[in-house]
């Protein structure tokens, strides 16, 4: 049985170790990481799944961004420990966190990922939304948490710090 909690400061390095295990070296060089630099994640949406022994099985994080003049959430990373893959834990983390995001009043979520995988969670390709280079525009996906929340939203994706500068 897994226990799902909000990520705490004590979880940070254990979650980072999970991300290091699950993703290629140099993951922090990706354009999505530039949007996270110096910006705290949205704490109520960053979730950790632990088993009955307290071992991290999966984790998900969200970050605030601006797309043009609109607020959005940037989902990622989401990871499941290799020993827990195939159990539906990734889908559980995504679905639970998206439900929480809607409850907290967020209107739109975006990510950089594979549309064939994320389409089952309601994500589709975003036209006119520009991630920092060298992101492939075909991998920029979004989901409206409120009907029509992506309608008319376009422009460059910026970190909250850059948008406020």
Protein backbone atom coordinates (compact mmCIF):
# COMPACT_ATOMS: atom_id res chain seq x y z
CA UNK A 1 0.00 0.00 0.00
CA UNK A 2 1.29 3.45 -0.90
CA UNK A 3 0.95 6.61 1.14
CA UNK A 4 0.71 9.88 -0.79
CA UNK A 5 1.91 13.08 0.88
CA UNK A 6 2.93 16.56 -0.10
CA UNK A 7 6.67 16.74 -0.64
CA UNK A 8 8.43 18.20 2.39
CA UNK A 9 11.86 19.79 2.70
CA UNK A 10 13.07 16.49 4.17
CA UNK A 11 11.96 14.67 1.00
CA UNK A 12 13.83 16.94 -1.44
CA UNK A 13 17.11 15.01 -1.81
CA UNK A 14 15.45 11.62 -1.82
CA UNK A 15 13.14 12.81 -4.62
CA UNK A 16 16.12 14.30 -6.48
CA UNK A 17 17.86 10.91 -6.23
CA UNK A 18 14.76 9.29 -7.77
CA UNK A 19 14.83 11.77 -10.65
CA UNK A 20 18.56 11.12 -11.15
CA UNK A 21 17.85 7.38 -11.28
CA UNK A 22 14.94 7.69 -13.73
CA UNK A 23 16.27 10.32 -16.12
CA UNK A 24 19.35 10.65 -18.24
CA UNK A 25 22.41 12.47 -16.97
CA UNK A 26 22.22 16.15 -17.77
CA UNK A 27 18.45 16.34 -17.20
CA UNK A 28 18.92 19.74 -15.59
CA UNK A 29 20.24 21.13 -18.88
CA UNK A 30 16.79 20.80 -20.47
CA UNK A 31 14.92 24.01 -21.27
CA UNK A 32 12.17 23.22 -18.77
CA UNK A 33 14.75 23.35 -15.98
CA UNK A 34 15.67 26.93 -16.93
CA UNK A 35 12.07 27.87 -16.11
CA UNK A 36 12.49 26.33 -12.64
CA UNK A 37 15.77 28.00 -11.66
CA UNK A 38 15.29 30.04 -8.52
CA UNK A 39 11.53 29.46 -8.52
CA UNK A 40 10.00 27.38 -5.75
CA UNK A 41 7.64 24.62 -6.87
CA UNK A 42 3.94 24.76 -6.02
CA UNK A 43 4.12 22.89 -2.69
CA UNK A 44 0.54 21.62 -2.45
CA UNK A 45 0.91 19.90 -5.84
CA UNK A 46 4.32 18.29 -5.33
CA UNK A 47 3.53 14.77 -4.20
CA UNK A 48 5.56 11.81 -2.98
CA UNK A 49 4.34 8.22 -2.91
CA UNK A 50 5.99 5.99 -0.28
CA UNK A 51 5.45 2.32 0.41
CA UNK A 52 4.76 0.82 3.83
CA UNK A 53 8.53 0.77 4.52
CA UNK A 54 8.82 4.49 3.75
CA UNK A 55 10.65 3.98 0.46
CA UNK A 56 9.89 6.49 -2.28
CA UNK A 57 8.06 4.81 -5.15
CA UNK A 58 7.25 7.92 -7.16
CA UNK A 59 7.11 11.69 -7.16
CA UNK A 60 5.69 14.59 -9.14
CA UNK A 61 6.37 18.32 -9.09
CA UNK A 62 4.70 21.43 -10.54
CA UNK A 63 6.08 24.91 -11.14
CA UNK A 64 4.35 28.23 -11.81
CA UNK A 65 5.04 29.76 -15.22
CA UNK A 66 3.64 32.50 -17.43
CA UNK A 67 2.51 31.93 -21.01
CA UNK A 68 2.15 35.31 -22.61
CA UNK A 69 0.06 37.15 -20.00
CA UNK A 70 -1.50 34.02 -18.46
CA UNK A 71 -0.58 31.94 -15.44
CA UNK A 72 -0.05 28.22 -15.94
CA UNK A 73 1.44 25.22 -14.22
CA UNK A 74 4.42 23.39 -15.64
CA UNK A 75 4.11 19.70 -14.77
CA UNK A 76 7.32 17.83 -14.24
CA UNK A 77 9.21 15.98 -13.55
CA UNK A 78 7.15 12.93 -12.71
CA UNK A 79 9.02 9.71 -11.99
CA UNK A 80 8.35 6.21 -10.74
CA UNK A 81 11.09 4.03 -9.27
CA UNK A 82 12.02 1.25 -11.73
CA UNK A 83 10.89 -1.40 -9.24
CA UNK A 84 7.39 0.17 -9.14
CA UNK A 85 6.89 0.79 -12.86
CA UNK A 86 3.94 -0.90 -14.51
CA UNK A 87 1.76 -0.62 -11.41
CA UNK A 88 -0.11 2.52 -12.50
CA UNK A 89 1.68 4.73 -10.00
CA UNK A 90 2.65 7.35 -12.60
CA UNK A 91 -0.96 7.64 -13.76
CA UNK A 92 -2.12 7.86 -10.16
CA UNK A 93 0.33 10.69 -9.41
CA UNK A 94 -0.69 12.61 -12.53
CA UNK A 95 -4.44 12.19 -12.02
CA UNK A 96 -4.31 13.00 -8.29
CA UNK A 97 -2.14 16.08 -8.77
CA UNK A 98 -4.28 17.41 -11.64
CA UNK A 99 -7.39 17.01 -9.50
CA UNK A 100 -5.67 18.92 -6.69
CA UNK A 101 -4.56 21.63 -9.12
CA UNK A 102 -8.17 22.15 -10.19
CA UNK A 103 -9.28 22.26 -6.54
CA UNK A 104 -6.69 24.96 -5.85
CA UNK A 105 -8.05 27.05 -8.72
CA UNK A 106 -5.43 26.52 -11.41
CA UNK A 107 -6.91 26.83 -14.89
CA UNK A 108 -4.25 25.33 -17.15
CA UNK A 109 -1.33 22.91 -17.05
CA UNK A 110 1.44 22.34 -19.55
CA UNK A 111 4.37 19.99 -19.95
CA UNK A 112 7.00 18.86 -22.39
CA UNK A 113 6.48 15.21 -23.24
CA UNK A 114 5.22 12.50 -25.55
CA UNK A 115 1.69 13.16 -26.74
CA UNK A 116 0.86 9.44 -27.19
CA UNK A 117 1.49 8.93 -23.46
CA UNK A 118 0.05 12.15 -22.03
CA UNK A 119 -3.04 12.27 -24.27
CA UNK A 120 -4.70 9.71 -21.97
CA UNK A 121 -4.64 12.41 -19.28
CA UNK A 122 -6.26 14.97 -21.60
CA UNK A 123 -3.09 16.69 -22.83
CA UNK A 124 -2.92 17.90 -26.42
CA UNK A 125 -0.37 19.83 -28.44
CA UNK A 126 -0.35 23.56 -27.72
CA UNK A 127 -0.21 25.80 -30.78
CA UNK A 128 1.47 29.17 -30.35
CA UNK A 129 3.04 28.35 -26.98
CA UNK A 130 6.81 28.73 -27.19
CA UNK A 131 9.10 26.95 -24.75
CA UNK A 132 12.71 28.13 -24.56
CA UNK A 133 14.88 26.54 -27.24
CA UNK A 134 15.79 23.90 -28.15
CA UNK A 135 12.40 22.38 -27.19
CA UNK A 136 10.62 20.53 -29.99
CA UNK A 137 7.25 22.34 -30.41
CA UNK A 138 5.51 19.00 -31.05
CA UNK A 139 6.27 18.03 -27.44
CA UNK A 140 4.70 21.13 -25.85
CA UNK A 141 1.40 19.85 -24.46
CA UNK A 142 -1.37 21.37 -22.39
CA UNK A 143 -4.55 20.55 -20.59
CA UNK A 144 -7.30 22.92 -19.55
CA UNK A 145 -8.51 22.33 -16.00
CA UNK A 146 -11.34 24.78 -16.63
CA UNK A 147 -13.23 24.70 -19.92
CA UNK A 148 -11.52 26.82 -22.58
CA UNK A 149 -8.64 27.80 -20.30
CA UNK A 150 -6.11 27.55 -23.16
CA UNK A 151 -8.31 29.45 -25.65
CA UNK A 152 -6.41 32.52 -26.83
CA UNK A 153 -3.36 31.76 -24.68
CA UNK A 154 -0.16 32.02 -26.67
CA UNK A 155 3.33 33.40 -26.45
CA UNK A 156 6.61 32.58 -24.80
CA UNK A 157 6.72 30.49 -21.66
CA UNK A 158 8.63 32.36 -18.95
CA UNK A 159 9.53 31.62 -15.40
CA UNK A 160 7.59 33.54 -12.81
CA UNK A 161 10.82 35.37 -11.86
CA UNK A 162 11.47 36.43 -15.45
CA UNK A 163 7.85 37.49 -15.92
CA UNK A 164 8.01 39.69 -12.83
CA UNK A 165 11.31 41.31 -13.80
